Amino acid sequence: MAKGKDVRVRVILECTSCAQNGVNKKLPGISRYITQKNRHNTPNRLDLRKFCRYCRKHTIHGEIKK
């Protein structure tokens, strides 16, 4: 049955360009997405191209700590 640790974990993805440049002056905020990953198949941090509504373009969203 199930072992001690769950295989699938929830991760938070944050826009890297918003985090580097600070917040956008016109629209304050940082784009974040919540998704799941398989811990055994993807042990490294996850980086995906997602749409950032504050930058108004597709940017790389990286996994952050909870």
Protein backbone atom coordinates (compact mmCIF):
# COMPACT_ATOMS: atom_id res chain seq x y z
CA MET A 1 0.00 0.00 0.00
CA ALA A 2 1.13 3.59 0.60
CA LYS A 3 4.58 4.18 2.00
CA GLY A 4 5.62 6.85 4.49
CA LYS A 5 6.19 9.67 2.02
CA ASP A 6 3.79 10.61 -0.74
CA VAL A 7 5.08 10.19 -4.28
CA ARG A 8 3.17 13.18 -5.68
CA VAL A 9 3.76 16.53 -3.97
CA ARG A 10 2.27 19.99 -4.47
CA VAL A 11 4.68 22.65 -5.72
CA ILE A 12 4.35 26.40 -6.22
CA LEU A 13 5.71 27.94 -9.42
CA GLU A 14 6.64 31.63 -9.38
CA CYS A 15 7.52 33.93 -12.28
CA THR A 16 11.28 34.44 -12.33
CA SER A 17 11.24 37.72 -14.27
CA CYS A 18 8.77 39.35 -11.83
CA ALA A 19 10.82 38.15 -8.86
CA GLN A 20 14.10 39.50 -10.34
CA ASN A 21 12.77 42.87 -11.49
CA GLY A 22 10.65 43.48 -8.42
CA VAL A 23 6.98 44.16 -8.92
CA ASN A 24 5.61 45.77 -12.04
CA LYS A 25 4.76 49.42 -11.40
CA LYS A 26 1.43 49.35 -13.26
CA LEU A 27 0.18 46.00 -11.93
CA PRO A 28 1.70 45.09 -8.56
CA GLY A 29 2.01 41.36 -7.97
CA ILE A 30 3.89 38.19 -8.80
CA SER A 31 2.39 35.43 -10.94
CA ARG A 32 2.15 32.07 -9.15
CA TYR A 33 0.80 28.67 -10.16
CA ILE A 34 0.15 25.57 -8.03
CA THR A 35 0.76 22.14 -9.59
CA GLN A 36 1.91 18.63 -8.69
CA LYS A 37 5.03 16.68 -9.54
CA ASN A 38 6.17 13.11 -9.07
CA ARG A 39 9.02 13.10 -6.56
CA HIS A 40 10.65 9.94 -7.98
CA ASN A 41 10.60 11.00 -11.66
CA THR A 42 11.53 14.67 -11.06
CA PRO A 43 13.78 15.03 -8.01
CA ASN A 44 15.17 18.41 -9.19
CA ARG A 45 13.38 21.73 -9.12
CA LEU A 46 10.72 22.22 -11.78
CA ASP A 47 10.88 25.04 -14.39
CA LEU A 48 7.98 25.55 -16.81
CA ARG A 49 7.04 28.23 -19.34
CA LYS A 50 3.71 29.69 -18.20
CA PHE A 51 1.81 32.90 -18.92
CA CYS A 52 2.47 35.75 -16.49
CA ARG A 53 -0.42 38.19 -16.40
CA TYR A 54 1.74 40.90 -14.85
CA CYS A 55 4.48 40.72 -17.51
CA ARG A 56 1.81 39.98 -20.15
CA LYS A 57 3.95 37.29 -21.82
CA HIS A 58 5.10 33.70 -21.43
CA THR A 59 7.99 33.49 -18.96
CA ILE A 60 9.80 30.79 -17.03
CA HIS A 61 8.16 29.93 -13.73
CA GLY A 62 10.40 28.18 -11.22
CA GLU A 63 9.61 26.06 -8.19
CA ILE A 64 9.85 27.85 -4.82
CA LYS A 65 9.77 26.67 -1.23
CA LYS A 66 6.47 26.65 0.63
